[in-house]
Amino acid sequence: MTTDTLDISPKPRGRPREFDLDAALDEALRVFSERGYYAASISELTEAMGLTAGSVYKAFKDKRGVFVAAFDRYRRVRLQLIDECLAKAPNGYEKLHSLVAFFAEASCGEIGRRGCLVVGSATELALFDEEVASRVGVAFDFDERRIRDLILLGQTDGSVARHIDPDSTACALLALTKGMRVIGKTGRKTEQMLAVAETAMKLLN
């Protein structure tokens, strides 16, 4: 986990909980991604998580508590997946290509239709909930800095053109990758989104 990822997963008190917290949160993620925060009912969440309402309230206090814990779980898992993806690329340009392709592939099929919990939270909750807005801001800032750092790495190793402005290009790629997740909710095909990824890479030439 990075220092930019907030972790407020509920801490156990007394006897350990008799359920798999990560597995339960993964199911909550699915409900929130498909239904949105406001449309997701506590009964849908408890059924998906395989818990009683009492267990959910004891562990998370309320629906918002489930959402915040699920949001943090989502970020941790995504960061790990992206780190593993980037580690395989040999230079800055290829790491950026892997990153953009990762978002393109996540914007297709069933996963694409569910959308991104971070992007969804930015549009649905951030305006009314300061804590969620802070989490979304941290996530966006981290993603933008990562792109900028990869551009600078590419300029250092010679794989990215020196005339590219790291700051504006990082912001443009951030907007593009987040936008991919929005477009993906309309049921785009893999080849369409991968073509978008290839077009995006022209920003680095």
N, C-alpha and C. Protein backbone atom coordinates (compact mmCIF):
# COMPACT_ATOMS: atom_id res chain seq x y z
N MET A 1 0.84 -1.18 0.00
CA MET A 1 0.00 0.00 0.00
C MET A 1 0.88 1.24 0.00
N THR A 2 0.53 2.28 -0.72
CA THR A 2 1.29 3.50 -0.72
C THR A 2 0.79 4.43 0.36
N THR A 3 1.60 5.46 0.66
CA THR A 3 1.19 6.43 1.67
C THR A 3 0.04 7.28 1.18
N ASP A 4 -0.25 7.25 -0.13
CA ASP A 4 -1.35 8.04 -0.67
C ASP A 4 -2.68 7.31 -0.55
N THR A 5 -2.64 6.08 -0.15
CA THR A 5 -3.88 5.31 -0.02
C THR A 5 -4.34 5.33 1.42
N LEU A 6 -5.54 5.84 1.65
CA LEU A 6 -6.07 5.90 3.00
C LEU A 6 -6.66 4.56 3.37
N ASP A 7 -6.43 4.14 4.60
CA ASP A 7 -6.95 2.85 5.06
C ASP A 7 -7.69 3.06 6.37
N ILE A 8 -9.02 3.03 6.31
CA ILE A 8 -9.78 3.11 7.53
C ILE A 8 -10.68 1.88 7.67
N SER A 9 -10.17 0.76 7.19
CA SER A 9 -10.94 -0.48 7.33
C SER A 9 -11.27 -0.67 8.79
N PRO A 10 -12.52 -1.08 9.10
CA PRO A 10 -12.92 -1.23 10.50
C PRO A 10 -12.00 -2.16 11.25
N LYS A 11 -11.60 -1.77 12.43
CA LYS A 11 -10.71 -2.59 13.25
C LYS A 11 -11.55 -3.49 14.16
N PRO A 12 -11.18 -4.76 14.29
CA PRO A 12 -11.96 -5.69 15.10
C PRO A 12 -11.88 -5.36 16.58
N ARG A 13 -12.97 -5.58 17.28
CA ARG A 13 -13.01 -5.41 18.72
C ARG A 13 -13.48 -6.73 19.34
N GLY A 14 -12.87 -7.08 20.46
CA GLY A 14 -13.28 -8.31 21.12
C GLY A 14 -12.93 -9.51 20.26
N ARG A 15 -13.91 -10.41 20.10
CA ARG A 15 -13.68 -11.61 19.31
C ARG A 15 -13.50 -11.27 17.83
N PRO A 16 -12.61 -11.97 17.11
CA PRO A 16 -12.44 -11.73 15.68
C PRO A 16 -13.75 -12.00 14.94
N ARG A 17 -13.97 -11.22 13.88
CA ARG A 17 -15.16 -11.45 13.08
C ARG A 17 -15.11 -12.81 12.41
N GLU A 18 -16.26 -13.40 12.24
CA GLU A 18 -16.32 -14.72 11.63
C GLU A 18 -16.73 -14.62 10.17
N PHE A 19 -16.13 -13.66 9.46
CA PHE A 19 -16.34 -13.58 8.03
C PHE A 19 -15.10 -12.98 7.37
N ASP A 20 -14.96 -13.25 6.09
CA ASP A 20 -13.82 -12.76 5.32
C ASP A 20 -14.11 -11.31 4.92
N LEU A 21 -13.43 -10.37 5.53
CA LEU A 21 -13.70 -8.95 5.30
C LEU A 21 -13.47 -8.56 3.85
N ASP A 22 -12.34 -8.99 3.27
CA ASP A 22 -12.04 -8.61 1.89
C ASP A 22 -13.07 -9.18 0.92
N ALA A 23 -13.46 -10.44 1.13
CA ALA A 23 -14.46 -11.06 0.25
C ALA A 23 -15.79 -10.33 0.36
N ALA A 24 -16.17 -9.94 1.57
CA ALA A 24 -17.42 -9.21 1.76
C ALA A 24 -17.36 -7.85 1.08
N LEU A 25 -16.23 -7.17 1.21
CA LEU A 25 -16.09 -5.86 0.59
C LEU A 25 -16.06 -5.96 -0.93
N ASP A 26 -15.50 -7.03 -1.46
CA ASP A 26 -15.51 -7.23 -2.92
C ASP A 26 -16.94 -7.34 -3.44
N GLU A 27 -17.80 -8.00 -2.68
CA GLU A 27 -19.20 -8.10 -3.08
C GLU A 27 -19.91 -6.76 -2.95
N ALA A 28 -19.57 -6.01 -1.91
CA ALA A 28 -20.14 -4.67 -1.75
C ALA A 28 -19.71 -3.77 -2.91
N LEU A 29 -18.46 -3.92 -3.33
CA LEU A 29 -17.95 -3.15 -4.47
C LEU A 29 -18.80 -3.40 -5.71
N ARG A 30 -19.12 -4.66 -5.93
CA ARG A 30 -19.92 -5.01 -7.10
C ARG A 30 -21.28 -4.32 -7.05
N VAL A 31 -21.91 -4.32 -5.90
CA VAL A 31 -23.22 -3.69 -5.76
C VAL A 31 -23.12 -2.18 -5.98
N PHE A 32 -22.15 -1.54 -5.33
CA PHE A 32 -22.00 -0.09 -5.48
C PHE A 32 -21.66 0.29 -6.93
N SER A 33 -20.82 -0.52 -7.58
CA SER A 33 -20.43 -0.22 -8.95
C SER A 33 -21.61 -0.35 -9.91
N GLU A 34 -22.43 -1.36 -9.68
CA GLU A 34 -23.57 -1.59 -10.57
C GLU A 34 -24.74 -0.66 -10.28
N ARG A 35 -24.98 -0.37 -9.00
CA ARG A 35 -26.18 0.36 -8.61
C ARG A 35 -25.93 1.83 -8.30
N GLY A 36 -24.68 2.17 -7.94
CA GLY A 36 -24.42 3.50 -7.44
C GLY A 36 -24.68 3.55 -5.95
N TYR A 37 -24.17 4.57 -5.28
CA TYR A 37 -24.29 4.63 -3.83
C TYR A 37 -25.73 4.77 -3.38
N TYR A 38 -26.43 5.72 -3.94
CA TYR A 38 -27.78 6.01 -3.45
C TYR A 38 -28.78 4.92 -3.79
N ALA A 39 -28.61 4.28 -4.94
CA ALA A 39 -29.56 3.23 -5.33
C ALA A 39 -29.30 1.90 -4.64
N ALA A 40 -28.10 1.72 -4.11
CA ALA A 40 -27.77 0.46 -3.43
C ALA A 40 -28.43 0.46 -2.05
N SER A 41 -29.26 -0.54 -1.81
CA SER A 41 -29.95 -0.63 -0.51
C SER A 41 -29.14 -1.49 0.45
N ILE A 42 -29.37 -1.29 1.72
CA ILE A 42 -28.66 -2.09 2.72
C ILE A 42 -29.03 -3.56 2.58
N SER A 43 -30.27 -3.84 2.15
CA SER A 43 -30.67 -5.24 1.98
C SER A 43 -29.91 -5.88 0.82
N GLU A 44 -29.69 -5.13 -0.27
CA GLU A 44 -28.89 -5.66 -1.39
C GLU A 44 -27.46 -5.91 -0.94
N LEU A 45 -26.93 -5.01 -0.16
CA LEU A 45 -25.55 -5.15 0.31
C LEU A 45 -25.40 -6.35 1.24
N THR A 46 -26.31 -6.50 2.19
CA THR A 46 -26.20 -7.62 3.12
C THR A 46 -26.33 -8.96 2.40
N GLU A 47 -27.23 -9.02 1.41
CA GLU A 47 -27.39 -10.26 0.65
C GLU A 47 -26.13 -10.58 -0.14
N ALA A 48 -25.58 -9.57 -0.82
CA ALA A 48 -24.38 -9.79 -1.62
C ALA A 48 -23.18 -10.16 -0.75
N MET A 49 -23.07 -9.51 0.41
CA MET A 49 -21.94 -9.74 1.30
C MET A 49 -22.09 -11.02 2.12
N GLY A 50 -23.29 -11.62 2.10
CA GLY A 50 -23.54 -12.84 2.86
C GLY A 50 -23.57 -12.61 4.35
N LEU A 51 -24.03 -11.42 4.76
CA LEU A 51 -24.06 -11.05 6.17
C LEU A 51 -25.47 -10.63 6.57
N THR A 52 -25.72 -10.67 7.86
CA THR A 52 -26.97 -10.13 8.37
C THR A 52 -26.83 -8.62 8.50
N ALA A 53 -27.96 -7.93 8.55
CA ALA A 53 -27.92 -6.48 8.73
C ALA A 53 -27.20 -6.12 10.03
N GLY A 54 -27.42 -6.92 11.06
CA GLY A 54 -26.77 -6.67 12.33
C GLY A 54 -25.25 -6.73 12.24
N SER A 55 -24.75 -7.72 11.48
CA SER A 55 -23.30 -7.86 11.31
C SER A 55 -22.72 -6.68 10.55
N VAL A 56 -23.46 -6.22 9.53
CA VAL A 56 -23.00 -5.08 8.74
C VAL A 56 -22.94 -3.82 9.60
N TYR A 57 -23.99 -3.58 10.36
CA TYR A 57 -24.01 -2.39 11.20
C TYR A 57 -22.95 -2.45 12.30
N LYS A 58 -22.70 -3.65 12.82
CA LYS A 58 -21.68 -3.80 13.86
C LYS A 58 -20.28 -3.55 13.30
N ALA A 59 -20.04 -4.05 12.08
CA ALA A 59 -18.71 -3.93 11.48
C ALA A 59 -18.46 -2.57 10.85
N PHE A 60 -19.49 -1.98 10.24
CA PHE A 60 -19.29 -0.77 9.45
C PHE A 60 -20.12 0.43 9.89
N LYS A 61 -21.02 0.23 10.83
CA LYS A 61 -21.88 1.28 11.39
C LYS A 61 -23.08 1.58 10.51
N ASP A 62 -22.85 1.84 9.20
CA ASP A 62 -23.96 2.16 8.31
C ASP A 62 -23.53 1.93 6.86
N LYS A 63 -24.42 2.25 5.92
CA LYS A 63 -24.12 2.03 4.50
C LYS A 63 -22.91 2.85 4.06
N ARG A 64 -22.81 4.05 4.55
CA ARG A 64 -21.67 4.89 4.19
C ARG A 64 -20.36 4.26 4.66
N GLY A 65 -20.38 3.64 5.84
CA GLY A 65 -19.19 2.97 6.34
C GLY A 65 -18.78 1.81 5.45
N VAL A 66 -19.78 1.08 4.95
CA VAL A 66 -19.48 0.00 3.99
C VAL A 66 -18.84 0.58 2.74
N PHE A 67 -19.40 1.69 2.26
CA PHE A 67 -18.89 2.30 1.03
C PHE A 67 -17.44 2.75 1.19
N VAL A 68 -17.14 3.44 2.29
CA VAL A 68 -15.79 3.95 2.49
C VAL A 68 -14.78 2.80 2.58
N ALA A 69 -15.14 1.73 3.30
CA ALA A 69 -14.25 0.57 3.39
C ALA A 69 -14.09 -0.10 2.04
N ALA A 70 -15.17 -0.18 1.26
CA ALA A 70 -15.11 -0.78 -0.07
C ALA A 70 -14.26 0.08 -1.01
N PHE A 71 -14.39 1.39 -0.89
CA PHE A 71 -13.58 2.32 -1.69
C PHE A 71 -12.10 2.10 -1.44
N ASP A 72 -11.71 2.00 -0.17
CA ASP A 72 -10.30 1.79 0.17
C ASP A 72 -9.81 0.42 -0.31
N ARG A 73 -10.66 -0.57 -0.20
CA ARG A 73 -10.32 -1.91 -0.70
C ARG A 73 -10.09 -1.85 -2.22
N TYR A 74 -10.96 -1.16 -2.91
CA TYR A 74 -10.85 -1.03 -4.37
C TYR A 74 -9.52 -0.38 -4.75
N ARG A 75 -9.16 0.68 -4.07
CA ARG A 75 -7.91 1.36 -4.37
C ARG A 75 -6.70 0.47 -4.11
N ARG A 76 -6.70 -0.25 -3.00
CA ARG A 76 -5.56 -1.12 -2.69
C ARG A 76 -5.37 -2.18 -3.77
N VAL A 77 -6.46 -2.81 -4.16
CA VAL A 77 -6.38 -3.89 -5.16
C VAL A 77 -5.93 -3.33 -6.50
N ARG A 78 -6.52 -2.20 -6.92
CA ARG A 78 -6.16 -1.62 -8.22
C ARG A 78 -4.70 -1.19 -8.26
N LEU A 79 -4.23 -0.58 -7.19
CA LEU A 79 -2.83 -0.15 -7.15
C LEU A 79 -1.89 -1.35 -7.28
N GLN A 80 -2.22 -2.43 -6.62
CA GLN A 80 -1.38 -3.62 -6.70
C GLN A 80 -1.37 -4.18 -8.13
N LEU A 81 -2.53 -4.25 -8.76
CA LEU A 81 -2.62 -4.76 -10.12
C LEU A 81 -1.83 -3.89 -11.09
N ILE A 82 -1.94 -2.58 -10.94
CA ILE A 82 -1.24 -1.67 -11.83
C ILE A 82 0.27 -1.75 -11.60
N ASP A 83 0.69 -1.83 -10.34
CA ASP A 83 2.12 -1.95 -10.04
C ASP A 83 2.70 -3.21 -10.70
N GLU A 84 1.96 -4.31 -10.63
CA GLU A 84 2.43 -5.55 -11.25
C GLU A 84 2.52 -5.40 -12.76
N CYS A 85 1.56 -4.68 -13.34
CA CYS A 85 1.55 -4.45 -14.79
C CYS A 85 2.74 -3.60 -15.21
N LEU A 86 3.00 -2.53 -14.47
CA LEU A 86 4.09 -1.62 -14.83
C LEU A 86 5.46 -2.27 -14.65
N ALA A 87 5.57 -3.15 -13.69
CA ALA A 87 6.86 -3.78 -13.40
C ALA A 87 7.39 -4.60 -14.58
N LYS A 88 6.49 -5.03 -15.44
CA LYS A 88 6.89 -5.87 -16.57
C LYS A 88 7.43 -5.06 -17.76
N ALA A 89 7.18 -3.75 -17.77
CA ALA A 89 7.57 -2.90 -18.90
C ALA A 89 9.01 -2.41 -18.73
N PRO A 90 9.80 -2.35 -19.82
CA PRO A 90 11.22 -2.06 -19.71
C PRO A 90 11.61 -0.59 -19.59
N ASN A 91 10.75 0.33 -20.00
CA ASN A 91 11.12 1.76 -19.96
C ASN A 91 9.89 2.63 -19.72
N GLY A 92 10.13 3.94 -19.62
CA GLY A 92 9.04 4.84 -19.31
C GLY A 92 7.90 4.80 -20.31
N TYR A 93 8.22 4.82 -21.59
CA TYR A 93 7.18 4.80 -22.62
C TYR A 93 6.34 3.53 -22.54
N GLU A 94 6.98 2.40 -22.42
CA GLU A 94 6.25 1.12 -22.36
C GLU A 94 5.44 1.00 -21.08
N LYS A 95 5.94 1.58 -19.99
CA LYS A 95 5.15 1.59 -18.76
C LYS A 95 3.89 2.42 -18.94
N LEU A 96 4.01 3.56 -19.60
CA LEU A 96 2.84 4.39 -19.88
C LEU A 96 1.87 3.67 -20.81
N HIS A 97 2.41 2.99 -21.80
CA HIS A 97 1.58 2.22 -22.72
C HIS A 97 0.82 1.13 -21.96
N SER A 98 1.52 0.45 -21.05
CA SER A 98 0.87 -0.59 -20.24
C SER A 98 -0.22 -0.01 -19.37
N LEU A 99 0.05 1.17 -18.81
CA LEU A 99 -0.93 1.82 -17.94
C LEU A 99 -2.20 2.20 -18.71
N VAL A 100 -2.02 2.84 -19.86
CA VAL A 100 -3.18 3.25 -20.66
C VAL A 100 -3.94 2.03 -21.16
N ALA A 101 -3.21 1.00 -21.58
CA ALA A 101 -3.87 -0.23 -22.04
C ALA A 101 -4.63 -0.90 -20.89
N PHE A 102 -4.10 -0.82 -19.68
CA PHE A 102 -4.78 -1.37 -18.51
C PHE A 102 -6.16 -0.74 -18.35
N PHE A 103 -6.23 0.58 -18.46
CA PHE A 103 -7.50 1.27 -18.34
C PHE A 103 -8.42 0.97 -19.52
N ALA A 104 -7.83 0.82 -20.71
CA ALA A 104 -8.63 0.49 -21.88
C ALA A 104 -9.30 -0.87 -21.70
N GLU A 105 -8.55 -1.84 -21.25
CA GLU A 105 -9.10 -3.18 -21.07
C GLU A 105 -10.11 -3.23 -19.93
N ALA A 106 -9.94 -2.34 -18.94
CA ALA A 106 -10.90 -2.28 -17.83
C ALA A 106 -12.19 -1.57 -18.23
N SER A 107 -12.22 -1.02 -19.43
CA SER A 107 -13.38 -0.26 -19.90
C SER A 107 -14.22 -1.06 -20.89
N CYS A 108 -14.05 -2.38 -20.89
CA CYS A 108 -14.75 -3.24 -21.84
C CYS A 108 -15.55 -4.31 -21.09
N GLY A 109 -16.56 -4.84 -21.76
CA GLY A 109 -17.31 -5.96 -21.22
C GLY A 109 -18.01 -5.67 -19.91
N GLU A 110 -18.19 -6.71 -19.10
CA GLU A 110 -18.92 -6.58 -17.84
C GLU A 110 -18.23 -5.63 -16.88
N ILE A 111 -16.89 -5.72 -16.78
CA ILE A 111 -16.14 -4.83 -15.89
C ILE A 111 -16.30 -3.39 -16.35
N GLY A 112 -16.25 -3.18 -17.65
CA GLY A 112 -16.41 -1.83 -18.18
C GLY A 112 -17.78 -1.25 -17.87
N ARG A 113 -18.82 -2.07 -17.97
CA ARG A 113 -20.17 -1.59 -17.69
C ARG A 113 -20.36 -1.24 -16.22
N ARG A 114 -19.63 -1.91 -15.34
CA ARG A 114 -19.71 -1.56 -13.91
C ARG A 114 -19.08 -0.21 -13.63
N GLY A 115 -18.05 0.11 -14.39
CA GLY A 115 -17.39 1.40 -14.20
C GLY A 115 -16.39 1.40 -13.07
N CYS A 116 -15.83 2.57 -12.82
CA CYS A 116 -14.80 2.76 -11.81
C CYS A 116 -15.41 3.38 -10.57
N LEU A 117 -15.17 2.78 -9.42
CA LEU A 117 -15.74 3.29 -8.17
C LEU A 117 -15.20 4.68 -7.85
N VAL A 118 -13.94 4.94 -8.17
CA VAL A 118 -13.36 6.26 -7.90
C VAL A 118 -14.03 7.32 -8.76
N VAL A 119 -14.17 7.05 -10.06
CA VAL A 119 -14.82 8.00 -10.96
C VAL A 119 -16.29 8.18 -10.58
N GLY A 120 -16.95 7.06 -10.27
CA GLY A 120 -18.35 7.14 -9.88
C GLY A 120 -18.54 7.95 -8.62
N SER A 121 -17.64 7.79 -7.66
CA SER A 121 -17.72 8.54 -6.41
C SER A 121 -17.51 10.02 -6.66
N ALA A 122 -16.62 10.35 -7.61
CA ALA A 122 -16.35 11.74 -7.92
C ALA A 122 -17.60 12.45 -8.42
N THR A 123 -18.42 11.74 -9.17
CA THR A 123 -19.61 12.35 -9.74
C THR A 123 -20.83 12.24 -8.84
N GLU A 124 -20.88 11.24 -7.99
CA GLU A 124 -22.10 10.99 -7.21
C GLU A 124 -22.03 11.51 -5.78
N LEU A 125 -20.87 11.40 -5.13
CA LEU A 125 -20.80 11.69 -3.71
C LEU A 125 -19.91 12.86 -3.34
N ALA A 126 -18.86 13.10 -4.12
CA ALA A 126 -17.82 14.03 -3.69
C ALA A 126 -18.35 15.43 -3.41
N LEU A 127 -19.37 15.86 -4.12
CA LEU A 127 -19.90 17.20 -3.92
C LEU A 127 -20.56 17.38 -2.55
N PHE A 128 -21.07 16.28 -1.98
CA PHE A 128 -21.84 16.36 -0.74
C PHE A 128 -21.14 15.74 0.46
N ASP A 129 -20.03 15.07 0.26
CA ASP A 129 -19.37 14.34 1.34
C ASP A 129 -17.88 14.69 1.34
N GLU A 130 -17.44 15.48 2.32
CA GLU A 130 -16.06 15.96 2.32
C GLU A 130 -15.05 14.83 2.45
N GLU A 131 -15.38 13.80 3.23
CA GLU A 131 -14.44 12.70 3.41
C GLU A 131 -14.26 11.92 2.11
N VAL A 132 -15.36 11.64 1.43
CA VAL A 132 -15.27 10.95 0.15
C VAL A 132 -14.56 11.84 -0.87
N ALA A 133 -14.85 13.14 -0.86
CA ALA A 133 -14.19 14.06 -1.78
C ALA A 133 -12.68 14.05 -1.55
N SER A 134 -12.27 13.98 -0.29
CA SER A 134 -10.84 13.92 0.01
C SER A 134 -10.21 12.65 -0.54
N ARG A 135 -10.91 11.53 -0.39
CA ARG A 135 -10.39 10.27 -0.91
C ARG A 135 -10.28 10.30 -2.44
N VAL A 136 -11.29 10.84 -3.08
CA VAL A 136 -11.25 10.94 -4.54
C VAL A 136 -10.09 11.84 -4.96
N GLY A 137 -9.92 12.97 -4.26
CA GLY A 137 -8.82 13.87 -4.58
C GLY A 137 -7.47 13.21 -4.42
N VAL A 138 -7.28 12.46 -3.35
CA VAL A 138 -6.03 11.73 -3.13
C VAL A 138 -5.78 10.74 -4.26
N ALA A 139 -6.84 10.03 -4.65
CA ALA A 139 -6.71 9.03 -5.72
C ALA A 139 -6.33 9.69 -7.04
N PHE A 140 -7.01 10.78 -7.39
CA PHE A 140 -6.71 11.46 -8.65
C PHE A 140 -5.31 12.06 -8.63
N ASP A 141 -4.93 12.68 -7.50
CA ASP A 141 -3.59 13.26 -7.40
C ASP A 141 -2.51 12.20 -7.54
N PHE A 142 -2.72 11.06 -6.89
CA PHE A 142 -1.75 9.97 -6.98
C PHE A 142 -1.61 9.49 -8.42
N ASP A 143 -2.74 9.27 -9.08
CA ASP A 143 -2.71 8.77 -10.46
C ASP A 143 -2.02 9.76 -11.39
N GLU A 144 -2.29 11.06 -11.19
CA GLU A 144 -1.66 12.06 -12.05
C GLU A 144 -0.16 12.13 -11.81
N ARG A 145 0.26 12.06 -10.55
CA ARG A 145 1.70 12.06 -10.25
C ARG A 145 2.39 10.84 -10.82
N ARG A 146 1.71 9.70 -10.77
CA ARG A 146 2.32 8.48 -11.32
C ARG A 146 2.55 8.64 -12.82
N ILE A 147 1.56 9.18 -13.52
CA ILE A 147 1.73 9.39 -14.96
C ILE A 147 2.88 10.36 -15.22
N ARG A 148 2.93 11.45 -14.46
CA ARG A 148 3.99 12.43 -14.64
C ARG A 148 5.36 11.79 -14.38
N ASP A 149 5.46 11.00 -13.34
CA ASP A 149 6.73 10.36 -13.02
C ASP A 149 7.16 9.40 -14.14
N LEU A 150 6.20 8.73 -14.74
CA LEU A 150 6.53 7.82 -15.84
C LEU A 150 6.97 8.60 -17.08
N ILE A 151 6.37 9.76 -17.31
CA ILE A 151 6.81 10.60 -18.42
C ILE A 151 8.25 11.05 -18.19
N LEU A 152 8.54 11.49 -16.97
CA LEU A 152 9.91 11.93 -16.65
C LEU A 152 10.89 10.77 -16.75
N LEU A 153 10.46 9.57 -16.34
CA LEU A 153 11.31 8.39 -16.49
C LEU A 153 11.61 8.14 -17.96
N GLY A 154 10.57 8.25 -18.79
CA GLY A 154 10.76 8.05 -20.23
C GLY A 154 11.68 9.08 -20.85
N GLN A 155 11.59 10.31 -20.37
CA GLN A 155 12.49 11.35 -20.89
C GLN A 155 13.92 11.11 -20.45
N THR A 156 14.09 10.52 -19.27
CA THR A 156 15.42 10.20 -18.77
C THR A 156 16.04 9.03 -19.54
N ASP A 157 15.21 8.00 -19.81
CA ASP A 157 15.77 6.83 -20.51
C ASP A 157 15.70 6.95 -22.03
N GLY A 158 15.16 8.07 -22.52
CA GLY A 158 15.14 8.32 -23.95
C GLY A 158 13.96 7.76 -24.70
N SER A 159 12.99 7.17 -24.01
CA SER A 159 11.85 6.56 -24.71
C SER A 159 10.70 7.54 -24.92
N VAL A 160 10.73 8.69 -24.24
CA VAL A 160 9.71 9.73 -24.40
C VAL A 160 10.41 11.01 -24.85
N ALA A 161 9.81 11.69 -25.82
CA ALA A 161 10.42 12.90 -26.39
C ALA A 161 10.64 13.97 -25.33
N ARG A 162 11.77 14.67 -25.42
CA ARG A 162 12.13 15.69 -24.44
C ARG A 162 11.20 16.90 -24.48
N HIS A 163 10.60 17.19 -25.64
CA HIS A 163 9.77 18.39 -25.75
C HIS A 163 8.40 18.23 -25.09
N ILE A 164 8.05 17.02 -24.69
CA ILE A 164 6.76 16.78 -24.05
C ILE A 164 6.72 17.47 -22.68
N ASP A 165 5.66 18.21 -22.41
CA ASP A 165 5.49 18.84 -21.11
C ASP A 165 4.90 17.83 -20.13
N PRO A 166 5.63 17.45 -19.09
CA PRO A 166 5.16 16.39 -18.19
C PRO A 166 3.85 16.73 -17.48
N ASP A 167 3.69 17.97 -17.06
CA ASP A 167 2.51 18.34 -16.27
C ASP A 167 1.23 18.31 -17.08
N SER A 168 1.23 19.01 -18.22
CA SER A 168 0.00 19.07 -19.03
C SER A 168 -0.32 17.73 -19.65
N THR A 169 0.71 16.98 -20.04
CA THR A 169 0.47 15.67 -20.64
C THR A 169 -0.05 14.68 -19.61
N ALA A 170 0.46 14.77 -18.39
CA ALA A 170 -0.04 13.89 -17.32
C ALA A 170 -1.50 14.18 -17.04
N CYS A 171 -1.88 15.45 -17.02
CA CYS A 171 -3.27 15.81 -16.78
C CYS A 171 -4.16 15.32 -17.92
N ALA A 172 -3.66 15.45 -19.16
CA ALA A 172 -4.43 14.99 -20.31
C ALA A 172 -4.64 13.47 -20.27
N LEU A 173 -3.60 12.73 -19.91
CA LEU A 173 -3.73 11.27 -19.84
C LEU A 173 -4.59 10.84 -18.66
N LEU A 174 -4.54 11.60 -17.57
CA LEU A 174 -5.43 11.32 -16.45
C LEU A 174 -6.89 11.46 -16.89
N ALA A 175 -7.19 12.58 -17.56
CA ALA A 175 -8.55 12.81 -18.03
C ALA A 175 -8.98 11.72 -19.00
N LEU A 176 -8.06 11.30 -19.86
CA LEU A 176 -8.39 10.28 -20.84
C LEU A 176 -8.67 8.92 -20.19
N THR A 177 -7.81 8.53 -19.24
CA THR A 177 -8.00 7.22 -18.62
C THR A 177 -9.26 7.18 -17.76
N LYS A 178 -9.55 8.28 -17.06
CA LYS A 178 -10.79 8.32 -16.28
C LYS A 178 -12.00 8.35 -17.20
N GLY A 179 -11.87 9.08 -18.29
CA GLY A 179 -12.96 9.13 -19.26
C GLY A 179 -13.24 7.78 -19.90
N MET A 180 -12.20 6.99 -20.08
CA MET A 180 -12.38 5.63 -20.60
C MET A 180 -13.36 4.84 -19.74
N ARG A 181 -13.22 4.99 -18.41
CA ARG A 181 -14.08 4.23 -17.51
C ARG A 181 -15.54 4.67 -17.60
N VAL A 182 -15.74 5.95 -17.91
CA VAL A 182 -17.11 6.45 -18.10
C VAL A 182 -17.69 5.90 -19.40
N ILE A 183 -16.92 6.01 -20.48
CA ILE A 183 -17.38 5.50 -21.78
C ILE A 183 -17.61 4.00 -21.72
N GLY A 184 -16.78 3.31 -20.93
CA GLY A 184 -16.90 1.86 -20.83
C GLY A 184 -18.25 1.40 -20.30
N LYS A 185 -18.96 2.27 -19.59
CA LYS A 185 -20.26 1.89 -19.06
C LYS A 185 -21.31 1.76 -20.16
N THR A 186 -20.98 2.22 -21.37
CA THR A 186 -21.91 2.11 -22.49
C THR A 186 -21.72 0.82 -23.28
N GLY A 187 -20.79 -0.04 -22.83
CA GLY A 187 -20.61 -1.33 -23.48
C GLY A 187 -19.71 -1.31 -24.70
N ARG A 188 -18.59 -0.63 -24.60
CA ARG A 188 -17.64 -0.55 -25.72
C ARG A 188 -16.90 -1.88 -25.90
N LYS A 189 -16.45 -2.12 -27.13
CA LYS A 189 -15.71 -3.33 -27.44
C LYS A 189 -14.23 -3.14 -27.14
N THR A 190 -13.56 -4.27 -26.90
CA THR A 190 -12.14 -4.21 -26.54
C THR A 190 -11.33 -3.53 -27.62
N GLU A 191 -11.57 -3.86 -28.87
CA GLU A 191 -10.77 -3.26 -29.95
C GLU A 191 -10.96 -1.75 -30.04
N GLN A 192 -12.17 -1.27 -29.70
CA GLN A 192 -12.42 0.16 -29.71
C GLN A 192 -11.57 0.87 -28.66
N MET A 193 -11.56 0.34 -27.46
CA MET A 193 -10.86 1.00 -26.37
C MET A 193 -9.34 0.88 -26.52
N LEU A 194 -8.88 -0.24 -27.06
CA LEU A 194 -7.44 -0.37 -27.31
C LEU A 194 -6.99 0.60 -28.39
N ALA A 195 -7.86 0.88 -29.36
CA ALA A 195 -7.55 1.88 -30.38
C ALA A 195 -7.44 3.26 -29.75
N VAL A 196 -8.28 3.54 -28.77
CA VAL A 196 -8.20 4.81 -28.04
C VAL A 196 -6.86 4.90 -27.31
N ALA A 197 -6.44 3.79 -26.72
CA ALA A 197 -5.16 3.76 -26.01
C ALA A 197 -4.00 4.06 -26.95
N GLU A 198 -4.05 3.50 -28.14
CA GLU A 198 -2.98 3.76 -29.11
C GLU A 198 -2.98 5.22 -29.54
N THR A 199 -4.14 5.80 -29.70
CA THR A 199 -4.23 7.22 -30.05
C THR A 199 -3.67 8.08 -28.93
N ALA A 200 -3.97 7.70 -27.70
CA ALA A 200 -3.47 8.46 -26.55
C ALA A 200 -1.94 8.49 -26.50
N MET A 201 -1.32 7.40 -26.92
CA MET A 201 0.14 7.33 -26.87
C MET A 201 0.80 8.32 -27.82
N LYS A 202 0.04 8.83 -28.78
CA LYS A 202 0.60 9.82 -29.71
C LYS A 202 0.91 11.13 -29.01
N LEU A 203 0.32 11.32 -27.82
CA LEU A 203 0.63 12.52 -27.03
C LEU A 203 2.09 12.53 -26.59
N LEU A 204 2.73 11.37 -26.64
CA LEU A 204 4.10 11.25 -26.13
C LEU A 204 5.14 11.31 -27.25
N ASN A 205 4.69 11.55 -28.47
CA ASN A 205 5.61 11.59 -29.61
C ASN A 205 6.02 13.04 -29.94
